[in-house]
Amino acid sequence: MNENVCYAKSSPREALTWSTIAFFGGFAGVSAFGPIVPTLKQTMTLSPLLMGLLAASPALTGSLLRIPFGAMVDRTGGKKPILILLTMAVLGVAGITLMFGLFPDPQPAHYPFFLLFGILSGCGIATFSVGIPSVSYWYPQRVQGSALAIYAGLGNLAPGMFALLLPSLVVWLGFTISYVLWLGILVLLVVLVFIYMQDAPYFQYREMGIEIDPDALLLACGEELLPSGKAMDSIRKAGSDWRTWVLTYYYFITFGGFIALTVWFPTYWSELFTIGLVQAGLLTALYSLSASLFRVAGGYAADRVGGEKVTLASFGVVAAGSLMMILSGRSIGGALAGVILLALGMGFANAAVFKLVPKYTPAAVGGAAGIVGGLGAFGGFVIPPLMGFFVKLNGNAGYSHGFVVFLTLALLAVGLMAALNRQVPAKHL
């Protein structure tokens, strides 16, 4: 066998493309659930607790499943878990479409079915933690920051884009036709991933029965990282490194904060500035899309100057943006400036964190990606109630004061980065 020839199918660029498309489609699945919640609230007459659980069900399952499915990559490769998650998302969207086709005015007795389909539609979000190790195993570490930022940044565009497109489709085509169209696109995506997506060379060699020589694999295929091979071992290895938990805290602020603010901003704009819901949605999309695009730029920056430096600078920007939001009061110009700073800081920090994941846990990238991505995403559920506490205390002014939460979290992150820097040799910074 020629050690200079790579016998694996596909290429890093193709792997990145299909991983990104799968994450985009899976993340957009939760956007298909959001628009039905107000309708269900009107027809089901359920308690706020039950409606809150229904609204949160896709994001909750999408977060929890990131841990086992991310770790699963180290044993099976990324294609199989992505197909499983996307298939469950298809079942969720199909269930929503069927329920509204059969019951245009849902009743309280239909609640368990919608809860189940919400749980299923959220499974697509968990493709994120599958794509991180999948892409990492295709690319050498020196360019992983850029590759992972493209993957996550473009995939993260899904909620903002669907928040703009789906309501227009519903008005134009009607609810049922819009959801049948989206269901068809998801089914097509599953078929295309099944046909064209390939696992990293290590997994292909193992499947072909080829003896794996790490040096030869690096020379021929460019695969620098090799998986541990066992899902639970991957989780244990990642969890035993304290730096994994620091990165989880960072991601709690940045990606959890991204989810939290995507939920928080529509009410912030409409209540504090008394503007219409359509305009509030556009301003929310400005934040969501900007943060996603900044994430791509953050990956390139992390490759050039180091993940630690970019992370430190990013949390400084998040702190500055939070302070501006606190001080802006009812100044829409000041608030917009604060929003852009938050999008810039969170976007760059999101990219830098996942530049550091394969660096700190090279033998357990899947487990670390699952822990960081899964537990970090819970910021989306923890942060909004904390910000809401300020509204309860101060009325509408609390919508600005609530950004004290982000200011405090960002300043603590800067302190933790100082501890990380003491553990990392200067040449790696």
Foldseek 3Di string as FASTA:
>chain_A
DDLQAQPFPDALVLQLVLLLVLLLLLVLLLVLLQVCLVLCCVQAVDDPVLSVLLNCQLLQLLQQVLQLLLLCCLAQFQLVSSLVLLVLLLVLLVQVLVCCVVPVRDYNVCSVSSSSSSNSNSSSNSSLSSSLVQSLQQADLLQSLLSNLVSQLSSLLNNLVSLPPVVVCCVVPNSNVSSVVSSVVSVVSSVCSVPRHDGHSVNVCVVVVHDDDQVSCCNRRVRNFHELNGSVVLQVLLVVDVVLVLLLLLLLLQLLVLLQLLVLQLCLCCLQQVDDSVVSSVLSSVLSSLLSVLLSVLSVVCSPPHLLVQLLVLLVLLLVLLVQLLPCRSPVVSPSVSSNSSSNSSSNNVSSSSSCQCVVRRHNSSNSSSSSRNSSNCSNVPLNVQLVVQCVVPPSSSSSVSSVVSNVSSVVSNVVSVVVVVVDDPVND
